[in-house]
Amino acid sequence: MANGIIPYYQMNELDRLSVRANLAGSITQIHDMLDEKDIAPSPKVASVFPDSSTTRPIILVPQRTSFRFSVPPHSYRAFAAK
């Protein structure tokens, strides 16, 4: 299981940090260790991109899972991948 901490030290009290975390593999959710809540992944995007040239092969991109969340000013969020 992978863990991560995202700190945010913005001076403006009104600004929240919008985060998009891209994790390798097919992770089903991440667990917020402070709020004890699970965050589902963002909708998947295509992972195969055909080249416009007929002489090049299809480019395969390793599978990644994307999560979106926000972090309030002067705080942090800690996550564990599930």
Protein backbone atom coordinates (compact mmCIF):
# COMPACT_ATOMS: atom_id res chain seq x y z
CA MET A 1 0.00 0.00 0.00
CA ALA A 2 1.33 3.47 -0.90
CA ASN A 3 0.97 6.45 1.42
CA GLY A 4 1.27 10.16 0.70
CA ILE A 5 1.15 13.53 2.45
CA ILE A 6 0.25 16.77 0.65
CA PRO A 7 1.09 19.96 2.60
CA TYR A 8 -0.25 23.40 1.64
CA TYR A 9 1.18 26.59 3.12
CA GLN A 10 -0.72 29.29 1.22
CA MET A 11 -0.86 32.68 2.96
CA ASN A 12 -4.33 33.63 1.69
CA GLU A 13 -6.97 32.06 3.96
CA LEU A 14 -9.54 31.94 1.12
CA ASP A 15 -7.50 29.85 -1.32
CA ARG A 16 -7.86 26.08 -1.40
CA LEU A 17 -5.39 23.99 -3.32
CA SER A 18 -7.05 21.88 -6.00
CA VAL A 19 -5.05 18.66 -6.40
CA ARG A 20 -5.07 16.00 -9.07
CA ALA A 21 -3.04 12.97 -7.98
CA ASN A 22 -2.12 10.44 -10.69
CA LEU A 23 -1.05 7.12 -9.22
CA ALA A 24 0.46 4.23 -11.14
CA GLY A 25 -1.65 1.10 -11.39
CA SER A 26 -5.33 0.39 -10.86
CA ILE A 27 -6.03 1.74 -7.38
CA THR A 28 -9.70 1.51 -6.46
CA GLN A 29 -9.70 4.38 -3.95
CA ILE A 30 -7.55 6.43 -1.60
CA HIS A 31 -8.29 6.74 2.11
CA ASP A 32 -8.01 10.16 3.78
CA MET A 33 -6.24 9.29 7.03
CA LEU A 34 -7.33 12.55 8.74
CA ASP A 35 -11.05 12.56 7.85
CA GLU A 36 -11.38 8.76 7.73
CA LYS A 37 -13.12 9.05 4.34
CA ASP A 38 -12.48 7.23 1.07
CA ILE A 39 -12.11 9.10 -2.22
CA ALA A 40 -13.16 7.40 -5.46
CA PRO A 41 -11.06 7.88 -8.60
CA SER A 42 -11.91 10.42 -11.28
CA PRO A 43 -13.44 9.08 -14.50
CA LYS A 44 -10.88 7.18 -16.58
CA VAL A 45 -9.45 8.61 -19.75
CA ALA A 46 -8.21 6.66 -22.73
CA SER A 47 -4.83 5.01 -22.24
CA VAL A 48 -4.13 4.17 -25.89
CA PHE A 49 -3.19 6.95 -28.28
CA PRO A 50 -2.91 5.98 -31.96
CA ASP A 51 -0.30 7.89 -33.91
CA SER A 52 -1.54 9.87 -36.89
CA SER A 53 1.22 8.36 -39.01
CA THR A 54 0.56 4.91 -40.50
CA THR A 55 4.21 3.91 -40.05
CA ARG A 56 4.29 4.23 -36.26
CA PRO A 57 2.80 1.73 -33.81
CA ILE A 58 0.13 2.58 -31.25
CA ILE A 59 1.55 4.19 -28.13
CA LEU A 60 0.52 2.30 -24.98
CA VAL A 61 0.50 4.34 -21.78
CA PRO A 62 0.91 2.49 -18.46
CA GLN A 63 -2.31 2.37 -16.47
CA ARG A 64 -2.74 5.20 -13.97
CA THR A 65 -5.56 6.16 -11.63
CA SER A 66 -6.44 9.82 -11.08
CA PHE A 67 -7.94 11.36 -7.94
CA ARG A 68 -9.14 14.94 -7.38
CA PHE A 69 -9.49 16.67 -4.02
CA SER A 70 -8.72 20.00 -2.34
CA VAL A 71 -6.48 21.03 0.55
CA PRO A 72 -7.40 24.02 2.77
CA PRO A 73 -4.76 26.71 3.47
CA HIS A 74 -2.28 26.09 6.31
CA SER A 75 -3.09 22.38 6.46
CA TYR A 76 -2.31 19.04 4.90
CA ARG A 77 -4.01 15.85 3.75
CA ALA A 78 -2.62 12.37 4.28
CA PHE A 79 -3.71 9.41 2.18
CA ALA A 80 -3.27 5.68 1.91
CA ALA A 81 -3.95 3.88 -1.37
CA LYS A 82 -6.37 0.96 -1.27
